[in-house]
C-alpha cells in the first residue's frame, strides 16, 4: 500500500471529508495538523504550491486537495492512485 500523508487543520470541513473518504477505503495515512504549526504549513505550501488544506500526498507525490480526491474517486481512478488496485 502507498504511503499517504494529509496536511490538515483542526476545524476544516474539507479535511474531515477527505479523511472520511480515505478511511472508507481503509487507507492508513499520516496526518500533519498545520493549525498551529507554521513550519509545517510552509512545508505543505512548498510541496503542494497551495496554502489551502487539505493537501494529500501519495508516496511523496502531490495528489491534490479534497475536491481532487473526490473527483478521482468519482472517475474510478482513486484506488489505483492510492495503491489499492493493481
N, C-alpha and C. Protein backbone atom coordinates (compact mmCIF):
# COMPACT_ATOMS: atom_id res chain seq x y z
N UNK A 1 0.84 -1.18 0.00
CA UNK A 1 0.00 0.00 0.00
C UNK A 1 0.89 1.24 0.00
N UNK A 2 0.39 2.30 -0.56
CA UNK A 2 1.12 3.55 -0.70
C UNK A 2 1.25 4.26 0.65
N UNK A 3 2.25 5.12 0.73
CA UNK A 3 2.45 5.99 1.90
C UNK A 3 1.65 7.26 1.65
N UNK A 4 0.59 7.47 2.43
CA UNK A 4 -0.31 8.60 2.23
C UNK A 4 -0.13 9.59 3.38
N UNK A 5 0.06 10.86 3.02
CA UNK A 5 0.20 11.93 4.00
C UNK A 5 -0.84 12.99 3.67
N UNK A 6 -1.53 13.47 4.71
CA UNK A 6 -2.53 14.52 4.52
C UNK A 6 -2.26 15.65 5.51
N UNK A 7 -2.12 16.85 4.96
CA UNK A 7 -1.95 18.06 5.77
C UNK A 7 -3.34 18.61 6.04
N UNK A 8 -3.63 18.91 7.31
CA UNK A 8 -4.97 19.33 7.72
C UNK A 8 -4.90 20.48 8.72
N UNK A 9 -6.08 21.02 9.02
CA UNK A 9 -6.27 21.90 10.17
C UNK A 9 -7.43 21.33 10.98
N UNK A 10 -7.51 21.76 12.22
CA UNK A 10 -8.45 21.16 13.16
C UNK A 10 -9.92 21.34 12.79
N UNK A 11 -10.29 22.50 12.28
CA UNK A 11 -11.72 22.78 12.11
C UNK A 11 -12.13 22.89 10.64
N UNK A 12 -11.39 22.24 9.77
CA UNK A 12 -11.64 22.32 8.33
C UNK A 12 -12.60 21.21 7.90
N UNK A 13 -13.79 21.57 7.40
CA UNK A 13 -14.73 20.53 6.98
C UNK A 13 -14.22 19.74 5.78
N UNK A 14 -13.43 20.36 4.92
CA UNK A 14 -12.88 19.64 3.77
C UNK A 14 -11.85 18.61 4.21
N UNK A 15 -11.12 18.93 5.26
CA UNK A 15 -10.15 17.98 5.82
C UNK A 15 -10.88 16.75 6.37
N UNK A 16 -11.95 16.99 7.10
CA UNK A 16 -12.74 15.88 7.65
C UNK A 16 -13.34 15.03 6.52
N UNK A 17 -13.79 15.70 5.48
CA UNK A 17 -14.38 14.99 4.34
C UNK A 17 -13.33 14.13 3.62
N UNK A 18 -12.14 14.68 3.43
CA UNK A 18 -11.07 13.93 2.77
C UNK A 18 -10.64 12.74 3.62
N UNK A 19 -10.49 12.95 4.92
CA UNK A 19 -10.10 11.85 5.80
C UNK A 19 -11.18 10.78 5.84
N UNK A 20 -12.43 11.17 5.80
CA UNK A 20 -13.53 10.19 5.79
C UNK A 20 -13.47 9.32 4.54
N UNK A 21 -13.18 9.92 3.39
CA UNK A 21 -13.06 9.15 2.16
C UNK A 21 -11.91 8.15 2.26
N UNK A 22 -10.76 8.62 2.75
CA UNK A 22 -9.61 7.71 2.90
C UNK A 22 -9.93 6.58 3.88
N UNK A 23 -10.57 6.91 4.99
CA UNK A 23 -10.94 5.89 5.98
C UNK A 23 -11.93 4.89 5.40
N UNK A 24 -12.86 5.38 4.56
CA UNK A 24 -13.85 4.48 3.98
C UNK A 24 -13.20 3.45 3.06
N UNK A 25 -12.01 3.77 2.59
CA UNK A 25 -11.26 2.85 1.73
C UNK A 25 -10.20 2.08 2.53
N UNK A 26 -10.25 2.21 3.86
CA UNK A 26 -9.30 1.56 4.77
C UNK A 26 -7.86 1.92 4.46
N UNK A 27 -7.66 3.18 4.09
CA UNK A 27 -6.31 3.67 3.79
C UNK A 27 -5.69 4.21 5.06
N UNK A 28 -4.52 3.70 5.41
CA UNK A 28 -3.76 4.26 6.51
C UNK A 28 -3.07 5.52 6.01
N UNK A 29 -3.09 6.57 6.83
CA UNK A 29 -2.44 7.80 6.41
C UNK A 29 -1.81 8.48 7.62
N UNK A 30 -0.83 9.31 7.33
CA UNK A 30 -0.21 10.15 8.34
C UNK A 30 -0.83 11.52 8.22
N UNK A 31 -1.37 12.02 9.32
CA UNK A 31 -1.98 13.34 9.33
C UNK A 31 -1.01 14.34 9.94
N UNK A 32 -0.80 15.44 9.24
CA UNK A 32 0.04 16.52 9.75
C UNK A 32 -0.87 17.73 9.94
N UNK A 33 -1.12 18.07 11.20
CA UNK A 33 -2.00 19.19 11.55
C UNK A 33 -1.18 20.48 11.51
N UNK A 34 -1.55 21.38 10.61
CA UNK A 34 -0.81 22.64 10.46
C UNK A 34 -1.51 23.82 11.13
N UNK A 35 -2.53 23.53 11.94
CA UNK A 35 -3.32 24.59 12.58
C UNK A 35 -2.43 25.59 13.31
N UNK A 36 -1.57 25.12 14.14
CA UNK A 36 -0.70 26.00 14.94
C UNK A 36 0.78 25.74 14.64
N UNK A 37 1.08 25.21 13.49
CA UNK A 37 2.45 24.83 13.16
C UNK A 37 2.86 25.51 11.85
N UNK A 38 3.42 26.70 11.98
CA UNK A 38 3.75 27.49 10.78
C UNK A 38 4.85 26.84 9.94
N UNK A 39 5.77 26.12 10.55
CA UNK A 39 6.83 25.47 9.76
C UNK A 39 6.26 24.34 8.91
N UNK A 40 5.32 23.58 9.46
CA UNK A 40 4.68 22.50 8.68
C UNK A 40 3.77 23.09 7.60
N UNK A 41 3.14 24.22 7.88
CA UNK A 41 2.31 24.87 6.87
C UNK A 41 3.18 25.36 5.71
N UNK A 42 4.34 25.93 6.02
CA UNK A 42 5.28 26.34 4.97
C UNK A 42 5.76 25.14 4.17
N UNK A 43 6.02 24.03 4.87
CA UNK A 43 6.43 22.79 4.19
C UNK A 43 5.34 22.34 3.22
N UNK A 44 4.09 22.33 3.68
CA UNK A 44 2.97 21.93 2.84
C UNK A 44 2.86 22.84 1.62
N UNK A 45 2.96 24.13 1.83
CA UNK A 45 2.86 25.09 0.74
C UNK A 45 3.99 24.90 -0.27
N UNK A 46 5.17 24.67 0.24
CA UNK A 46 6.32 24.44 -0.64
C UNK A 46 6.14 23.18 -1.48
N UNK A 47 5.63 22.13 -0.87
CA UNK A 47 5.46 20.85 -1.57
C UNK A 47 4.29 20.85 -2.54
N UNK A 48 3.21 21.55 -2.17
CA UNK A 48 1.98 21.48 -2.97
C UNK A 48 1.76 22.69 -3.88
N UNK A 49 2.37 23.81 -3.51
CA UNK A 49 2.11 25.03 -4.25
C UNK A 49 0.80 25.69 -3.85
N UNK A 50 0.19 25.20 -2.78
CA UNK A 50 -1.10 25.72 -2.32
C UNK A 50 -1.07 25.99 -0.83
N UNK A 51 -1.81 27.02 -0.41
CA UNK A 51 -1.89 27.32 1.02
C UNK A 51 -3.15 26.74 1.66
N UNK A 52 -4.05 26.17 0.85
CA UNK A 52 -5.30 25.64 1.39
C UNK A 52 -5.12 24.20 1.87
N UNK A 53 -5.98 23.82 2.80
CA UNK A 53 -5.98 22.44 3.30
C UNK A 53 -7.31 21.80 2.93
N UNK A 54 -7.34 20.50 2.83
CA UNK A 54 -6.22 19.57 2.99
C UNK A 54 -5.38 19.50 1.72
N UNK A 55 -4.17 19.01 1.89
CA UNK A 55 -3.32 18.67 0.76
C UNK A 55 -2.89 17.23 0.99
N UNK A 56 -3.04 16.40 -0.03
CA UNK A 56 -2.80 14.97 0.09
C UNK A 56 -1.65 14.57 -0.82
N UNK A 57 -0.77 13.74 -0.26
CA UNK A 57 0.40 13.24 -0.98
C UNK A 57 0.40 11.72 -0.92
N UNK A 58 0.80 11.10 -2.01
CA UNK A 58 0.89 9.64 -2.08
C UNK A 58 2.30 9.30 -2.54
N UNK A 59 3.02 8.57 -1.70
CA UNK A 59 4.42 8.22 -1.97
C UNK A 59 5.22 9.46 -2.36
N UNK A 60 4.95 10.57 -1.66
CA UNK A 60 5.70 11.80 -1.87
C UNK A 60 5.21 12.67 -3.01
N UNK A 61 4.32 12.15 -3.83
CA UNK A 61 3.79 12.93 -4.96
C UNK A 61 2.49 13.61 -4.56
N UNK A 62 2.33 14.86 -4.95
CA UNK A 62 1.13 15.61 -4.62
C UNK A 62 -0.06 15.07 -5.39
N UNK A 63 -1.08 14.64 -4.67
CA UNK A 63 -2.30 14.13 -5.28
C UNK A 63 -3.33 15.24 -5.45
N UNK A 64 -3.38 16.15 -4.50
CA UNK A 64 -4.32 17.26 -4.60
C UNK A 64 -5.03 17.53 -3.28
N UNK A 65 -6.18 18.19 -3.42
CA UNK A 65 -6.96 18.57 -2.25
C UNK A 65 -8.19 17.67 -2.12
N UNK A 66 -9.13 18.08 -1.30
CA UNK A 66 -10.35 17.29 -1.07
C UNK A 66 -11.14 17.11 -2.37
N UNK A 67 -11.32 18.19 -3.10
CA UNK A 67 -12.07 18.09 -4.36
C UNK A 67 -11.39 17.13 -5.33
N UNK A 68 -10.07 17.17 -5.38
CA UNK A 68 -9.33 16.30 -6.31
C UNK A 68 -9.53 14.84 -5.98
N UNK A 69 -9.41 14.47 -4.70
CA UNK A 69 -9.53 13.04 -4.41
C UNK A 69 -10.96 12.54 -4.59
N UNK A 70 -11.94 13.41 -4.33
CA UNK A 70 -13.33 13.01 -4.60
C UNK A 70 -13.58 12.90 -6.11
N UNK A 71 -12.99 13.78 -6.88
CA UNK A 71 -13.10 13.70 -8.34
C UNK A 71 -12.46 12.41 -8.85
N UNK A 72 -11.26 12.08 -8.34
CA UNK A 72 -10.61 10.83 -8.73
C UNK A 72 -11.47 9.63 -8.35
N UNK A 73 -12.09 9.69 -7.17
CA UNK A 73 -12.94 8.59 -6.74
C UNK A 73 -14.14 8.45 -7.68
N UNK A 74 -14.75 9.56 -8.02
CA UNK A 74 -15.90 9.55 -8.94
C UNK A 74 -15.51 8.99 -10.32
N UNK A 75 -14.29 9.31 -10.76
CA UNK A 75 -13.79 8.83 -12.06
C UNK A 75 -13.34 7.37 -12.00
N UNK A 76 -13.23 6.84 -10.79
CA UNK A 76 -12.80 5.45 -10.63
C UNK A 76 -11.30 5.26 -10.65
N UNK A 77 -10.54 6.34 -10.45
CA UNK A 77 -9.07 6.24 -10.51
C UNK A 77 -8.39 6.39 -9.16
N UNK A 78 -9.14 6.72 -8.12
CA UNK A 78 -8.52 6.96 -6.82
C UNK A 78 -7.87 5.71 -6.24
N UNK A 79 -8.53 4.57 -6.33
CA UNK A 79 -7.96 3.35 -5.76
C UNK A 79 -6.58 3.06 -6.34
N UNK A 80 -6.45 3.21 -7.63
CA UNK A 80 -5.16 2.96 -8.27
C UNK A 80 -4.12 3.98 -7.77
N UNK A 81 -4.50 5.25 -7.68
CA UNK A 81 -3.57 6.28 -7.21
C UNK A 81 -3.13 6.02 -5.78
N UNK A 82 -4.00 5.38 -4.99
CA UNK A 82 -3.68 5.07 -3.60
C UNK A 82 -2.97 3.72 -3.44
N UNK A 83 -2.75 3.05 -4.55
CA UNK A 83 -2.08 1.75 -4.49
C UNK A 83 -2.98 0.64 -4.00
N UNK A 84 -4.30 0.81 -4.14
CA UNK A 84 -5.25 -0.20 -3.68
C UNK A 84 -5.58 -1.24 -4.72
N UNK A 85 -5.28 -0.94 -5.96
CA UNK A 85 -5.55 -1.89 -7.05
C UNK A 85 -4.32 -2.07 -7.90
N UNK A 86 -4.25 -3.20 -8.57
CA UNK A 86 -3.07 -3.50 -9.38
C UNK A 86 -3.13 -2.77 -10.70
